[in-house]
Amino acid sequence: MLGNVDDDSKDPNPVAAQLIRKHYKGVIIAAGGFKGDTAEAILQAGDADLVAFGRDFIANPDLPERLRKGLPLNPYDRPTFFGGTGTGYTDYPFHSADALAA
């Protein structure tokens, strides 16, 4: 996934970060459709120094813990983002051991 587009045939690495790194040695923050494994890969490759998460952070208030432990992510519901209510923005659940048992 890259940004807003699902396309498994495309290179999952953000082209911009790779191109920028060749010319800029400062801090690069990559963003756009990363999952835990792809975020780790771009960091290990040295093409970015940090990775930003947007949609998955909205849907997973405990995203760092989920990524650290390899826990499943809540799916996000884009139509409810920033809709003027708490629905879809502040009502996503934290992960719990009980959720795995259900």
PDB file of N, CA and C in Angstrom:
ATOM      1  N   MET A   1       0.846  -1.173   0.000  1.00  0.00           N
ATOM      2  CA  MET A   1       0.000   0.000   0.000  1.00  0.00           C
ATOM      3  C   MET A   1       0.891   1.234   0.000  1.00  0.00           C
ATOM      4  N   LEU A   2       0.597   2.153  -0.830  1.00  0.00           N
ATOM      5  CA  LEU A   2       1.298   3.427  -0.867  1.00  0.00           C
ATOM      6  C   LEU A   2       0.263   4.535  -0.757  1.00  0.00           C
ATOM      7  N   GLY A   3       0.331   5.304   0.313  1.00  0.00           N
ATOM      8  CA  GLY A   3      -0.626   6.390   0.487  1.00  0.00           C
ATOM      9  C   GLY A   3      -2.041   5.880   0.475  1.00  0.00           C
ATOM     10  N   ASN A   4      -2.814   6.336  -0.473  1.00  0.00           N
ATOM     11  CA  ASN A   4      -4.226   5.972  -0.535  1.00  0.00           C
ATOM     12  C   ASN A   4      -4.515   4.847  -1.517  1.00  0.00           C
ATOM     13  N   VAL A   5      -3.470   4.239  -2.090  1.00  0.00           N
ATOM     14  CA  VAL A   5      -3.668   3.266  -3.160  1.00  0.00           C
ATOM     15  C   VAL A   5      -3.146   1.899  -2.747  1.00  0.00           C
ATOM     16  N   ASP A   6      -3.980   0.876  -2.877  1.00  0.00           N
ATOM     17  CA  ASP A   6      -3.552  -0.499  -2.676  1.00  0.00           C
ATOM     18  C   ASP A   6      -3.079  -1.036  -4.021  1.00  0.00           C
ATOM     19  N   ASP A   7      -1.804  -1.412  -4.108  1.00  0.00           N
ATOM     20  CA  ASP A   7      -1.285  -1.973  -5.341  1.00  0.00           C
ATOM     21  C   ASP A   7      -0.067  -2.816  -5.010  1.00  0.00           C
ATOM     22  N   ASP A   8      -0.258  -4.127  -4.890  1.00  0.00           N
ATOM     23  CA  ASP A   8       0.826  -5.034  -4.518  1.00  0.00           C
ATOM     24  C   ASP A   8       1.897  -5.162  -5.586  1.00  0.00           C
ATOM     25  N   SER A   9       1.618  -4.707  -6.810  1.00  0.00           N
ATOM     26  CA  SER A   9       2.608  -4.828  -7.877  1.00  0.00           C
ATOM     27  C   SER A   9       3.647  -3.712  -7.821  1.00  0.00           C
ATOM     28  N   LYS A  10       3.391  -2.681  -7.045  1.00  0.00           N
ATOM     29  CA  LYS A  10       4.309  -1.535  -6.952  1.00  0.00           C
ATOM     30  C   LYS A  10       5.327  -1.749  -5.847  1.00  0.00           C
ATOM     31  N   ASP A  11       6.474  -1.113  -5.995  1.00  0.00           N
ATOM     32  CA  ASP A  11       7.514  -1.113  -4.970  1.00  0.00           C
ATOM     33  C   ASP A  11       6.939  -0.433  -3.724  1.00  0.00           C
ATOM     34  N   PRO A  12       6.942  -1.100  -2.564  1.00  0.00           N
ATOM     35  CA  PRO A  12       6.334  -0.526  -1.368  1.00  0.00           C
ATOM     36  C   PRO A  12       7.163   0.581  -0.722  1.00  0.00           C
ATOM     37  N   ASN A  13       8.385   0.809  -1.215  1.00  0.00           N
ATOM     38  CA  ASN A  13       9.222   1.848  -0.636  1.00  0.00           C
ATOM     39  C   ASN A  13       8.875   3.207  -1.234  1.00  0.00           C
ATOM     40  N   PRO A  14       8.711   4.201  -0.388  1.00  0.00           N
ATOM     41  CA  PRO A  14       8.393   5.528  -0.910  1.00  0.00           C
ATOM     42  C   PRO A  14       9.547   6.065  -1.761  1.00  0.00           C
ATOM     43  N   VAL A  15       9.255   6.313  -3.001  1.00  0.00           N
ATOM     44  CA  VAL A  15      10.269   6.788  -3.927  1.00  0.00           C
ATOM     45  C   VAL A  15      10.849   8.116  -3.452  1.00  0.00           C
ATOM     46  N   ALA A  16      10.032   9.000  -2.937  1.00  0.00           N
ATOM     47  CA  ALA A  16      10.503  10.315  -2.506  1.00  0.00           C
ATOM     48  C   ALA A  16      11.596  10.196  -1.449  1.00  0.00           C
ATOM     49  N   ALA A  17      11.411   9.335  -0.471  1.00  0.00           N
ATOM     50  CA  ALA A  17      12.407   9.192   0.597  1.00  0.00           C
ATOM     51  C   ALA A  17      13.730   8.696   0.032  1.00  0.00           C
ATOM     52  N   GLN A  18      13.675   7.758  -0.893  1.00  0.00           N
ATOM     53  CA  GLN A  18      14.904   7.235  -1.502  1.00  0.00           C
ATOM     54  C   GLN A  18      15.617   8.320  -2.307  1.00  0.00           C
ATOM     55  N   LEU A  19      14.872   9.092  -3.055  1.00  0.00           N
ATOM     56  CA  LEU A  19      15.468  10.153  -3.870  1.00  0.00           C
ATOM     57  C   LEU A  19      16.009  11.287  -2.998  1.00  0.00           C
ATOM     58  N   ILE A  20      15.266  11.644  -1.992  1.00  0.00           N
ATOM     59  CA  ILE A  20      15.698  12.735  -1.113  1.00  0.00           C
ATOM     60  C   ILE A  20      16.978  12.364  -0.385  1.00  0.00           C
ATOM     61  N   ARG A  21      17.067  11.132   0.094  1.00  0.00           N
ATOM     62  CA  ARG A  21      18.232  10.702   0.860  1.00  0.00           C
ATOM     63  C   ARG A  21      19.531  10.878   0.052  1.00  0.00           C
ATOM     64  N   LYS A  22      19.456  10.695  -1.253  1.00  0.00           N
ATOM     65  CA  LYS A  22      20.651  10.838  -2.091  1.00  0.00           C
ATOM     66  C   LYS A  22      21.211  12.259  -2.055  1.00  0.00           C
ATOM     67  N   HIS A  23      20.348  13.236  -1.769  1.00  0.00           N
ATOM     68  CA  HIS A  23      20.749  14.640  -1.839  1.00  0.00           C
ATOM     69  C   HIS A  23      20.693  15.364  -0.503  1.00  0.00           C
ATOM     70  N   TYR A  24      20.078  14.748   0.483  1.00  0.00           N
ATOM     71  CA  TYR A  24      19.850  15.418   1.772  1.00  0.00           C
ATOM     72  C   TYR A  24      20.222  14.467   2.896  1.00  0.00           C
ATOM     73  N   LYS A  25      21.107  14.901   3.767  1.00  0.00           N
ATOM     74  CA  LYS A  25      21.571  14.038   4.853  1.00  0.00           C
ATOM     75  C   LYS A  25      20.944  14.382   6.201  1.00  0.00           C
ATOM     76  N   GLY A  26      19.991  15.304   6.208  1.00  0.00           N
ATOM     77  CA  GLY A  26      19.291  15.647   7.447  1.00  0.00           C
ATOM     78  C   GLY A  26      18.238  14.605   7.777  1.00  0.00           C
ATOM     79  N   VAL A  27      17.372  14.926   8.718  1.00  0.00           N
ATOM     80  CA  VAL A  27      16.323  14.005   9.167  1.00  0.00           C
ATOM     81  C   VAL A  27      15.209  13.922   8.126  1.00  0.00           C
ATOM     82  N   ILE A  28      14.872  12.703   7.750  1.00  0.00           N
ATOM     83  CA  ILE A  28      13.781  12.449   6.807  1.00  0.00           C
ATOM     84  C   ILE A  28      12.700  11.650   7.528  1.00  0.00           C
ATOM     85  N   ILE A  29      11.477  12.161   7.449  1.00  0.00           N
ATOM     86  CA  ILE A  29      10.314  11.468   8.011  1.00  0.00           C
ATOM     87  C   ILE A  29       9.486  10.969   6.834  1.00  0.00           C
ATOM     88  N   ALA A  30       9.367   9.657   6.703  1.00  0.00           N
ATOM     89  CA  ALA A  30       8.579   9.054   5.632  1.00  0.00           C
ATOM     90  C   ALA A  30       7.160   8.804   6.137  1.00  0.00           C
ATOM     91  N   ALA A  31       6.195   8.918   5.242  1.00  0.00           N
ATOM     92  CA  ALA A  31       4.795   8.677   5.602  1.00  0.00           C
ATOM     93  C   ALA A  31       4.048   8.160   4.388  1.00  0.00           C
ATOM     94  N   GLY A  32       2.990   7.400   4.636  1.00  0.00           N
ATOM     95  CA  GLY A  32       2.130   6.969   3.555  1.00  0.00           C
ATOM     96  C   GLY A  32       1.963   5.472   3.432  1.00  0.00           C
ATOM     97  N   GLY A  33       1.038   4.905   4.185  1.00  0.00           N
ATOM     98  CA  GLY A  33       0.677   3.505   4.013  1.00  0.00           C
ATOM     99  C   GLY A  33       1.613   2.490   4.638  1.00  0.00           C
ATOM    100  N   PHE A  34       2.455   2.906   5.566  1.00  0.00           N
ATOM    101  CA  PHE A  34       3.386   1.967   6.194  1.00  0.00           C
ATOM    102  C   PHE A  34       2.687   1.040   7.174  1.00  0.00           C
ATOM    103  N   LYS A  35       3.182  -0.162   7.241  1.00  0.00           N
ATOM    104  CA  LYS A  35       2.835  -1.127   8.282  1.00  0.00           C
ATOM    105  C   LYS A  35       4.109  -1.356   9.076  1.00  0.00           C
ATOM    106  N   GLY A  36       4.060  -2.134  10.124  1.00  0.00           N
ATOM    107  CA  GLY A  36       5.230  -2.339  10.962  1.00  0.00           C
ATOM    108  C   GLY A  36       6.438  -2.830  10.209  1.00  0.00           C
ATOM    109  N   ASP A  37       6.259  -3.834   9.354  1.00  0.00           N
ATOM    110  CA  ASP A  37       7.407  -4.407   8.642  1.00  0.00           C
ATOM    111  C   ASP A  37       7.982  -3.458   7.599  1.00  0.00           C
ATOM    112  N   THR A  38       7.131  -2.718   6.897  1.00  0.00           N
ATOM    113  CA  THR A  38       7.646  -1.801   5.883  1.00  0.00           C
ATOM    114  C   THR A  38       8.291  -0.573   6.524  1.00  0.00           C
ATOM    115  N   ALA A  39       7.781  -0.166   7.670  1.00  0.00           N
ATOM    116  CA  ALA A  39       8.414   0.945   8.402  1.00  0.00           C
ATOM    117  C   ALA A  39       9.807   0.534   8.856  1.00  0.00           C
ATOM    118  N   GLU A  40       9.923  -0.647   9.396  1.00  0.00           N
ATOM    119  CA  GLU A  40      11.224  -1.139   9.845  1.00  0.00           C
ATOM    120  C   GLU A  40      12.186  -1.260   8.666  1.00  0.00           C
ATOM    121  N   ALA A  41      11.689  -1.705   7.525  1.00  0.00           N
ATOM    122  CA  ALA A  41      12.543  -1.889   6.342  1.00  0.00           C
ATOM    123  C   ALA A  41      13.123  -0.568   5.855  1.00  0.00           C
ATOM    124  N   ILE A  42      12.319   0.485   5.784  1.00  0.00           N
ATOM    125  CA  ILE A  42      12.842   1.755   5.281  1.00  0.00           C
ATOM    126  C   ILE A  42      13.827   2.368   6.269  1.00  0.00           C
ATOM    127  N   LEU A  43      13.599   2.129   7.559  1.00  0.00           N
ATOM    128  CA  LEU A  43      14.553   2.607   8.565  1.00  0.00           C
ATOM    129  C   LEU A  43      15.876   1.854   8.447  1.00  0.00           C
ATOM    130  N   GLN A  44      15.792   0.534   8.313  1.00  0.00           N
ATOM    131  CA  GLN A  44      17.002  -0.286   8.192  1.00  0.00           C
ATOM    132  C   GLN A  44      17.778   0.033   6.913  1.00  0.00           C
ATOM    133  N   ALA A  45      17.074   0.377   5.847  1.00  0.00           N
ATOM    134  CA  ALA A  45      17.726   0.716   4.585  1.00  0.00           C
ATOM    135  C   ALA A  45      18.408   2.086   4.649  1.00  0.00           C
ATOM    136  N   GLY A  46      18.038   2.884   5.666  1.00  0.00           N
ATOM    137  CA  GLY A  46      18.635   4.206   5.809  1.00  0.00           C
ATOM    138  C   GLY A  46      17.990   5.272   4.949  1.00  0.00           C
ATOM    139  N   ASP A  47      16.862   4.955   4.326  1.00  0.00           N
ATOM    140  CA  ASP A  47      16.179   5.922   3.472  1.00  0.00           C
ATOM    141  C   ASP A  47      15.307   6.894   4.258  1.00  0.00           C
ATOM    142  N   ALA A  48      15.059   6.604   5.520  1.00  0.00           N
ATOM    143  CA  ALA A  48      14.307   7.505   6.389  1.00  0.00           C
ATOM    144  C   ALA A  48      14.833   7.342   7.809  1.00  0.00           C
ATOM    145  N   ASP A  49      14.634   8.385   8.605  1.00  0.00           N
ATOM    146  CA  ASP A  49      15.055   8.360  10.007  1.00  0.00           C
ATOM    147  C   ASP A  49      13.877   8.083  10.933  1.00  0.00           C
ATOM    148  N   LEU A  50      12.701   8.464  10.496  1.00  0.00           N
ATOM    149  CA  LEU A  50      11.468   8.267  11.255  1.00  0.00           C
ATOM    150  C   LEU A  50      10.363   7.893  10.278  1.00  0.00           C
ATOM    151  N   VAL A  51       9.336   7.232  10.782  1.00  0.00           N
ATOM    152  CA  VAL A  51       8.172   6.905   9.965  1.00  0.00           C
ATOM    153  C   VAL A  51       6.932   7.429  10.680  1.00  0.00           C
ATOM    154  N   ALA A  52       6.110   8.159   9.950  1.00  0.00           N
ATOM    155  CA  ALA A  52       4.867   8.700  10.498  1.00  0.00           C
ATOM    156  C   ALA A  52       3.704   7.787  10.122  1.00  0.00           C
ATOM    157  N   PHE A  53       2.783   7.618  11.045  1.00  0.00           N
ATOM    158  CA  PHE A  53       1.576   6.825  10.806  1.00  0.00           C
ATOM    159  C   PHE A  53       0.378   7.738  11.015  1.00  0.00           C
ATOM    160  N   GLY A  54      -0.561   7.733  10.108  1.00  0.00           N
ATOM    161  CA  GLY A  54      -1.753   8.567  10.224  1.00  0.00           C
ATOM    162  C   GLY A  54      -2.997   7.747  10.483  1.00  0.00           C
ATOM    163  N   ARG A  55      -3.554   7.179   9.409  1.00  0.00           N
ATOM    164  CA  ARG A  55      -4.823   6.448   9.513  1.00  0.00           C
ATOM    165  C   ARG A  55      -4.755   5.329  10.545  1.00  0.00           C
ATOM    166  N   ASP A  56      -3.662   4.561  10.532  1.00  0.00           N
ATOM    167  CA  ASP A  56      -3.569   3.465  11.496  1.00  0.00           C
ATOM    168  C   ASP A  56      -3.455   3.982  12.928  1.00  0.00           C
ATOM    169  N   PHE A  57      -2.913   5.179  13.121  1.00  0.00           N
ATOM    170  CA  PHE A  57      -2.834   5.727  14.477  1.00  0.00           C
ATOM    171  C   PHE A  57      -4.207   6.168  14.961  1.00  0.00           C
ATOM    172  N   ILE A  58      -5.023   6.705  14.060  1.00  0.00           N
ATOM    173  CA  ILE A  58      -6.383   7.092  14.448  1.00  0.00           C
ATOM    174  C   ILE A  58      -7.156   5.863  14.906  1.00  0.00           C
ATOM    175  N   ALA A  59      -7.016   4.759  14.163  1.00  0.00           N
ATOM    176  CA  ALA A  59      -7.780   3.544  14.462  1.00  0.00           C
ATOM    177  C   ALA A  59      -7.172   2.697  15.578  1.00  0.00           C
ATOM    178  N   ASN A  60      -5.944   2.999  15.961  1.00  0.00           N
ATOM    179  CA  ASN A  60      -5.245   2.199  16.969  1.00  0.00           C
ATOM    180  C   ASN A  60      -4.545   3.131  17.951  1.00  0.00           C
ATOM    181  N   PRO A  61      -5.246   3.567  18.988  1.00  0.00           N
ATOM    182  CA  PRO A  61      -4.653   4.517  19.930  1.00  0.00           C
ATOM    183  C   PRO A  61      -3.408   3.963  20.622  1.00  0.00           C
ATOM    184  N   ASP A  62      -3.231   2.665  20.586  1.00  0.00           N
ATOM    185  CA  ASP A  62      -2.065   2.001  21.178  1.00  0.00           C
ATOM    186  C   ASP A  62      -1.144   1.447  20.085  1.00  0.00           C
ATOM    187  N   LEU A  63      -1.063   2.138  18.944  1.00  0.00           N
ATOM    188  CA  LEU A  63      -0.314   1.639  17.798  1.00  0.00           C
ATOM    189  C   LEU A  63       1.128   1.250  18.119  1.00  0.00           C
ATOM    190  N   PRO A  64       1.902   2.043  18.845  1.00  0.00           N
ATOM    191  CA  PRO A  64       3.285   1.607  19.120  1.00  0.00           C
ATOM    192  C   PRO A  64       3.356   0.249  19.823  1.00  0.00           C
ATOM    193  N   GLU A  65       2.466   0.031  20.765  1.00  0.00           N
ATOM    194  CA  GLU A  65       2.452  -1.254  21.485  1.00  0.00           C
ATOM    195  C   GLU A  65       2.041  -2.392  20.555  1.00  0.00           C
ATOM    196  N   ARG A  66       1.066  -2.153  19.712  1.00  0.00           N
ATOM    197  CA  ARG A  66       0.631  -3.186  18.760  1.00  0.00           C
ATOM    198  C   ARG A  66       1.765  -3.554  17.806  1.00  0.00           C
ATOM    199  N   LEU A  67       2.486  -2.552  17.328  1.00  0.00           N
ATOM    200  CA  LEU A  67       3.597  -2.826  16.416  1.00  0.00           C
ATOM    201  C   LEU A  67       4.715  -3.574  17.126  1.00  0.00           C
ATOM    202  N   ARG A  68       5.040  -3.153  18.349  1.00  0.00           N
ATOM    203  CA  ARG A  68       6.103  -3.820  19.116  1.00  0.00           C
ATOM    204  C   ARG A  68       5.790  -5.294  19.342  1.00  0.00           C
ATOM    205  N   LYS A  69       4.529  -5.587  19.639  1.00  0.00           N
ATOM    206  CA  LYS A  69       4.127  -6.949  19.996  1.00  0.00           C
ATOM    207  C   LYS A  69       3.554  -7.752  18.825  1.00  0.00           C
ATOM    208  N   GLY A  70       3.456  -7.158  17.647  1.00  0.00           N
ATOM    209  CA  GLY A  70       2.898  -7.864  16.495  1.00  0.00           C
ATOM    210  C   GLY A  70       1.418  -8.159  16.636  1.00  0.00           C
ATOM    211  N   LEU A  71       0.695  -7.292  17.343  1.00  0.00           N
ATOM    212  CA  LEU A  71      -0.741  -7.492  17.565  1.00  0.00           C
ATOM    213  C   LEU A  71      -1.540  -7.016  16.348  1.00  0.00           C
ATOM    214  N   PRO A  72      -2.734  -7.561  16.149  1.00  0.00           N
ATOM    215  CA  PRO A  72      -3.549  -7.132  15.002  1.00  0.00           C
ATOM    216  C   PRO A  72      -3.978  -5.675  15.158  1.00  0.00           C
ATOM    217  N   LEU A  73      -4.160  -5.019  14.021  1.00  0.00           N
ATOM    218  CA  LEU A  73      -4.596  -3.622  14.020  1.00  0.00           C
ATOM    219  C   LEU A  73      -6.099  -3.532  13.797  1.00  0.00           C
ATOM    220  N   ASN A  74      -6.716  -2.527  14.418  1.00  0.00           N
ATOM    221  CA  ASN A  74      -8.109  -2.212  14.114  1.00  0.00           C
ATOM    222  C   ASN A  74      -8.144  -1.649  12.697  1.00  0.00           C
ATOM    223  N   PRO A  75      -9.112  -2.046  11.892  1.00  0.00           N
ATOM    224  CA  PRO A  75      -9.236  -1.400  10.575  1.00  0.00           C
ATOM    225  C   PRO A  75      -9.761   0.026  10.768  1.00  0.00           C
ATOM    226  N   TYR A  76      -9.319   0.944   9.930  1.00  0.00           N
ATOM    227  CA  TYR A  76      -9.825   2.311  10.040  1.00  0.00           C
ATOM    228  C   TYR A  76     -11.050   2.481   9.156  1.00  0.00           C
ATOM    229  N   ASP A  77     -11.859   3.483   9.483  1.00  0.00           N
ATOM    230  CA  ASP A  77     -13.081   3.784   8.741  1.00  0.00           C
ATOM    231  C   ASP A  77     -12.973   5.226   8.256  1.00  0.00           C
ATOM    232  N   ARG A  78     -12.367   5.404   7.084  1.00  0.00           N
ATOM    233  CA  ARG A  78     -12.061   6.732   6.566  1.00  0.00           C
ATOM    234  C   ARG A  78     -13.267   7.678   6.523  1.00  0.00           C
ATOM    235  N   PRO A  79     -14.466   7.237   6.128  1.00  0.00           N
ATOM    236  CA  PRO A  79     -15.580   8.191   6.061  1.00  0.00           C
ATOM    237  C   PRO A  79     -15.924   8.849   7.406  1.00  0.00           C
ATOM    238  N   THR A  80     -15.500   8.250   8.511  1.00  0.00           N
ATOM    239  CA  THR A  80     -15.823   8.846   9.812  1.00  0.00           C
ATOM    240  C   THR A  80     -14.707   9.748  10.345  1.00  0.00           C
ATOM    241  N   PHE A  81     -13.582   9.852   9.638  1.00  0.00           N
ATOM    242  CA  PHE A  81     -12.485  10.710  10.097  1.00  0.00           C
ATOM    243  C   PHE A  81     -12.951  12.165  10.106  1.00  0.00           C
ATOM    244  N   PHE A  82     -12.668  12.837  11.179  1.00  0.00           N
ATOM    245  CA  PHE A  82     -12.900  14.284  11.286  1.00  0.00           C
ATOM    246  C   PHE A  82     -14.324  14.677  10.928  1.00  0.00           C
ATOM    247  N   GLY A  83     -15.272  13.832  11.303  1.00  0.00           N
ATOM    248  CA  GLY A  83     -16.663  14.075  10.943  1.00  0.00           C
ATOM    249  C   GLY A  83     -17.429  14.947  11.903  1.00  0.00           C
ATOM    250  N   GLY A  84     -16.799  15.527  12.897  1.00  0.00           N
ATOM    251  CA  GLY A  84     -17.502  16.417  13.813  1.00  0.00           C
ATOM    252  C   GLY A  84     -18.018  15.727  15.056  1.00  0.00           C
ATOM    253  N   THR A  85     -17.853  14.395  15.130  1.00  0.00           N
ATOM    254  CA  THR A  85     -18.251  13.672  16.333  1.00  0.00           C
ATOM    255  C   THR A  85     -17.090  12.769  16.743  1.00  0.00           C
ATOM    256  N   GLY A  86     -17.257  12.086  17.864  1.00  0.00           N
ATOM    257  CA  GLY A  86     -16.233  11.156  18.320  1.00  0.00           C
ATOM    258  C   GLY A  86     -16.230   9.852  17.544  1.00  0.00           C
ATOM    259  N   THR A  87     -17.290   9.578  16.784  1.00  0.00           N
ATOM    260  CA  THR A  87     -17.384   8.325  16.043  1.00  0.00           C
ATOM    261  C   THR A  87     -16.284   8.244  14.995  1.00  0.00           C
ATOM    262  N   GLY A  88     -15.519   7.167  15.071  1.00  0.00           N
ATOM    263  CA  GLY A  88     -14.464   6.941  14.112  1.00  0.00           C
ATOM    264  C   GLY A  88     -13.208   7.748  14.368  1.00  0.00           C
ATOM    265  N   TYR A  89     -13.189   8.531  15.416  1.00  0.00           N
ATOM    266  CA  TYR A  89     -12.002   9.322  15.701  1.00  0.00           C
ATOM    267  C   TYR A  89     -11.487   9.053  17.108  1.00  0.00           C
ATOM    268  N   THR A  90     -12.394   8.976  18.060  1.00  0.00           N
ATOM    269  CA  THR A  90     -11.968   8.740  19.445  1.00  0.00           C
ATOM    270  C   THR A  90     -12.571   7.481  20.047  1.00  0.00           C
ATOM    271  N   ASP A  91     -13.266   6.686  19.258  1.00  0.00           N
ATOM    272  CA  ASP A  91     -13.943   5.513  19.818  1.00  0.00           C
ATOM    273  C   ASP A  91     -13.291   4.183  19.456  1.00  0.00           C
ATOM    274  N   TYR A  92     -12.124   4.197  18.825  1.00  0.00           N
ATOM    275  CA  TYR A  92     -11.451   2.936  18.516  1.00  0.00           C
ATOM    276  C   TYR A  92     -10.905   2.317  19.795  1.00  0.00           C
ATOM    277  N   PRO A  93     -11.054   0.995  19.941  1.00  0.00           N
ATOM    278  CA  PRO A  93     -10.612   0.347  21.181  1.00  0.00           C
ATOM    279  C   PRO A  93      -9.111   0.104  21.243  1.00  0.00           C
ATOM    280  N   PHE A  94      -8.602   0.120  22.461  1.00  0.00           N
ATOM    281  CA  PHE A  94      -7.237  -0.336  22.715  1.00  0.00           C
ATOM    282  C   PHE A  94      -7.253  -1.855  22.619  1.00  0.00           C
ATOM    283  N   HIS A  95      -6.124  -2.460  22.332  1.00  0.00           N
ATOM    284  CA  HIS A  95      -6.029  -3.910  22.271  1.00  0.00           C
ATOM    285  C   HIS A  95      -6.152  -4.473  23.687  1.00  0.00           C
ATOM    286  N   SER A  96      -6.768  -5.615  23.802  1.00  0.00           N
ATOM    287  CA  SER A  96      -6.843  -6.292  25.100  1.00  0.00           C
ATOM    288  C   SER A  96      -6.680  -7.780  24.884  1.00  0.00           C
ATOM    289  N   ALA A  97      -6.196  -8.457  25.902  1.00  0.00           N
ATOM    290  CA  ALA A  97      -6.054  -9.915  25.834  1.00  0.00           C
ATOM    291  C   ALA A  97      -7.410 -10.567  25.629  1.00  0.00           C
ATOM    292  N   ASP A  98      -8.486  -9.954  26.167  1.00  0.00           N
ATOM    293  CA  ASP A  98      -9.816 -10.493  26.018  1.00  0.00           C
ATOM    294  C   ASP A  98     -10.255 -10.507  24.547  1.00  0.00           C
ATOM    295  N   ALA A  99      -9.784  -9.534  23.771  1.00  0.00           N
ATOM    296  CA  ALA A  99     -10.178  -9.469  22.365  1.00  0.00           C
ATOM    297  C   ALA A  99      -9.641 -10.673  21.595  1.00  0.00           C
ATOM    298  N   LEU A 100      -8.467 -11.172  21.942  1.00  0.00           N
ATOM    299  CA  LEU A 100      -7.914 -12.334  21.259  1.00  0.00           C
ATOM    300  C   LEU A 100      -8.696 -13.608  21.577  1.00  0.00           C
ATOM    301  N   ALA A 101      -9.245 -13.680  22.781  1.00  0.00           N
ATOM    302  CA  ALA A 101      -9.970 -14.874  23.219  1.00  0.00           C
ATOM    303  C   ALA A 101     -11.358 -14.942  22.574  1.00  0.00           C
ATOM    304  N   ALA A 102     -11.893 -13.805  22.152  1.00  0.00           N
ATOM    305  CA  ALA A 102     -13.263 -13.758  21.603  1.00  0.00           C
ATOM    306  C   ALA A 102     -13.345 -14.356  20.228  1.00  0.00           C
TER     307      ALA A 102
END
